[in-house]
């Protein structure tokens, strides 16, 4: 995880963009509509970085907004997967 872009509106943070470095050492930008392009393993890795307090290059409010957005996104993925299974 290289950077996070958060838009603040009415006291709430809205995640606009995530920049990650993958195994091939290239930087990839994922904007709001492209989060589906992230693999579940990458999302887990980003959450592990947050839990291990290794996102020291981000501000505290950006970290909180980032974690909330990732949790909401993973919940929506899980719900969609369960609905397909029915």
C-alpha atoms as a PDB file:
ATOM      1  CA  UNK A   1       0.000   0.000   0.000  1.00  0.00           C
ATOM      2  CA  UNK A   2       1.568   3.252  -1.112  1.00  0.00           C
ATOM      3  CA  UNK A   3      -1.117   5.894  -0.666  1.00  0.00           C
ATOM      4  CA  UNK A   4      -4.791   6.486   0.003  1.00  0.00           C
ATOM      5  CA  UNK A   5      -6.893   9.382  -1.266  1.00  0.00           C
ATOM      6  CA  UNK A   6      -9.848  10.312   0.944  1.00  0.00           C
ATOM      7  CA  UNK A   7     -12.486  12.956   0.284  1.00  0.00           C
ATOM      8  CA  UNK A   8     -14.063  14.468   3.418  1.00  0.00           C
ATOM      9  CA  UNK A   9     -17.667  15.560   3.172  1.00  0.00           C
ATOM     10  CA  UNK A  10     -19.944  16.435   6.099  1.00  0.00           C
ATOM     11  CA  UNK A  11     -17.535  14.878   8.580  1.00  0.00           C
ATOM     12  CA  UNK A  12     -17.350  11.528   6.786  1.00  0.00           C
ATOM     13  CA  UNK A  13     -14.404  10.226   4.827  1.00  0.00           C
ATOM     14  CA  UNK A  14     -15.033   8.771   1.382  1.00  0.00           C
ATOM     15  CA  UNK A  15     -12.288   6.620  -0.125  1.00  0.00           C
ATOM     16  CA  UNK A  16     -11.497   7.866  -3.639  1.00  0.00           C
ATOM     17  CA  UNK A  17      -8.345   6.016  -4.607  1.00  0.00           C
ATOM     18  CA  UNK A  18      -5.881   3.371  -3.398  1.00  0.00           C
ATOM     19  CA  UNK A  19      -2.347   3.071  -4.802  1.00  0.00           C
ATOM     20  CA  UNK A  20      -0.710  -0.327  -4.251  1.00  0.00           C
ATOM     21  CA  UNK A  21       2.572  -1.902  -5.275  1.00  0.00           C
ATOM     22  CA  UNK A  22       2.182  -5.496  -6.449  1.00  0.00           C
ATOM     23  CA  UNK A  23       4.740  -8.296  -6.729  1.00  0.00           C
ATOM     24  CA  UNK A  24       6.006  -6.990 -10.063  1.00  0.00           C
ATOM     25  CA  UNK A  25       7.017  -3.746  -8.282  1.00  0.00           C
ATOM     26  CA  UNK A  26       4.634  -1.683 -10.407  1.00  0.00           C
ATOM     27  CA  UNK A  27       2.292   0.899  -8.882  1.00  0.00           C
ATOM     28  CA  UNK A  28      -1.398   0.336  -9.570  1.00  0.00           C
ATOM     29  CA  UNK A  29      -4.173   2.856  -8.901  1.00  0.00           C
ATOM     30  CA  UNK A  30      -7.596   1.592  -7.965  1.00  0.00           C
ATOM     31  CA  UNK A  31     -10.310   4.210  -8.051  1.00  0.00           C
ATOM     32  CA  UNK A  32     -13.723   3.852  -6.480  1.00  0.00           C
ATOM     33  CA  UNK A  33     -15.277   1.829  -9.306  1.00  0.00           C
ATOM     34  CA  UNK A  34     -12.180  -0.328  -9.798  1.00  0.00           C
ATOM     35  CA  UNK A  35     -12.049  -1.837  -6.299  1.00  0.00           C
ATOM     36  CA  UNK A  36     -13.574  -4.973  -7.795  1.00  0.00           C
ATOM     37  CA  UNK A  37     -10.204  -5.444  -9.548  1.00  0.00           C
ATOM     38  CA  UNK A  38      -8.537  -6.040  -6.199  1.00  0.00           C
ATOM     39  CA  UNK A  39      -8.102  -9.664  -5.217  1.00  0.00           C
ATOM     40  CA  UNK A  40      -9.377 -10.834  -1.836  1.00  0.00           C
ATOM     41  CA  UNK A  41      -5.790 -11.685  -0.799  1.00  0.00           C
ATOM     42  CA  UNK A  42      -4.693  -8.099  -1.468  1.00  0.00           C
ATOM     43  CA  UNK A  43      -7.533  -6.757   0.640  1.00  0.00           C
ATOM     44  CA  UNK A  44      -6.578  -9.122   3.469  1.00  0.00           C
ATOM     45  CA  UNK A  45      -2.940  -8.015   3.195  1.00  0.00           C
ATOM     46  CA  UNK A  46      -3.949  -4.350   3.431  1.00  0.00           C
ATOM     47  CA  UNK A  47      -6.063  -5.048   6.520  1.00  0.00           C
ATOM     48  CA  UNK A  48      -3.131  -6.945   8.096  1.00  0.00           C
ATOM     49  CA  UNK A  49      -0.892  -3.922   7.501  1.00  0.00           C
ATOM     50  CA  UNK A  50      -3.408  -1.743   9.314  1.00  0.00           C
ATOM     51  CA  UNK A  51      -3.740  -4.176  12.236  1.00  0.00           C
ATOM     52  CA  UNK A  52       0.048  -4.438  12.551  1.00  0.00           C
ATOM     53  CA  UNK A  53       0.343  -0.602  12.596  1.00  0.00           C
ATOM     54  CA  UNK A  54       2.581  -0.563   9.521  1.00  0.00           C
ATOM     55  CA  UNK A  55       0.753   2.251   7.738  1.00  0.00           C
ATOM     56  CA  UNK A  56       2.900   4.888   9.432  1.00  0.00           C
ATOM     57  CA  UNK A  57       3.166   6.961   6.237  1.00  0.00           C
ATOM     58  CA  UNK A  58      -0.591   7.723   6.336  1.00  0.00           C
ATOM     59  CA  UNK A  59      -2.401  10.098   8.683  1.00  0.00           C
ATOM     60  CA  UNK A  60      -4.604   8.660  11.432  1.00  0.00           C
ATOM     61  CA  UNK A  61      -7.837   9.861   9.841  1.00  0.00           C
ATOM     62  CA  UNK A  62      -6.839   8.378   6.463  1.00  0.00           C
ATOM     63  CA  UNK A  63      -6.086   5.048   8.128  1.00  0.00           C
ATOM     64  CA  UNK A  64      -9.504   4.987   9.813  1.00  0.00           C
ATOM     65  CA  UNK A  65     -11.305   5.937   6.591  1.00  0.00           C
ATOM     66  CA  UNK A  66      -9.285   3.340   4.686  1.00  0.00           C
ATOM     67  CA  UNK A  67     -10.123   0.538   7.126  1.00  0.00           C
ATOM     68  CA  UNK A  68     -13.822   1.425   7.180  1.00  0.00           C
ATOM     69  CA  UNK A  69     -13.984   1.503   3.373  1.00  0.00           C
ATOM     70  CA  UNK A  70     -12.193  -1.845   3.068  1.00  0.00           C
ATOM     71  CA  UNK A  71     -14.483  -3.472   5.621  1.00  0.00           C
ATOM     72  CA  UNK A  72     -17.582  -2.157   3.844  1.00  0.00           C
ATOM     73  CA  UNK A  73     -16.239  -3.382   0.509  1.00  0.00           C
ATOM     74  CA  UNK A  74     -15.412  -6.855   1.851  1.00  0.00           C
ATOM     75  CA  UNK A  75     -18.861  -7.101   3.434  1.00  0.00           C
ATOM     76  CA  UNK A  76     -20.490  -6.286   0.104  1.00  0.00           C
ATOM     77  CA  UNK A  77     -18.350  -8.948  -1.623  1.00  0.00           C
ATOM     78  CA  UNK A  78     -19.314 -11.567   0.948  1.00  0.00           C
ATOM     79  CA  UNK A  79     -23.008 -10.686   0.709  1.00  0.00           C
ATOM     80  CA  UNK A  80     -22.905 -10.895  -3.103  1.00  0.00           C
ATOM     81  CA  UNK A  81     -21.151 -14.259  -2.928  1.00  0.00           C
ATOM     82  CA  UNK A  82     -23.709 -15.652  -0.474  1.00  0.00           C
ATOM     83  CA  UNK A  83     -26.619 -14.422  -2.582  1.00  0.00           C
ATOM     84  CA  UNK A  84     -25.149 -16.179  -5.637  1.00  0.00           C
ATOM     85  CA  UNK A  85     -24.852 -19.399  -3.624  1.00  0.00           C
ATOM     86  CA  UNK A  86     -28.593 -19.364  -2.903  1.00  0.00           C
END
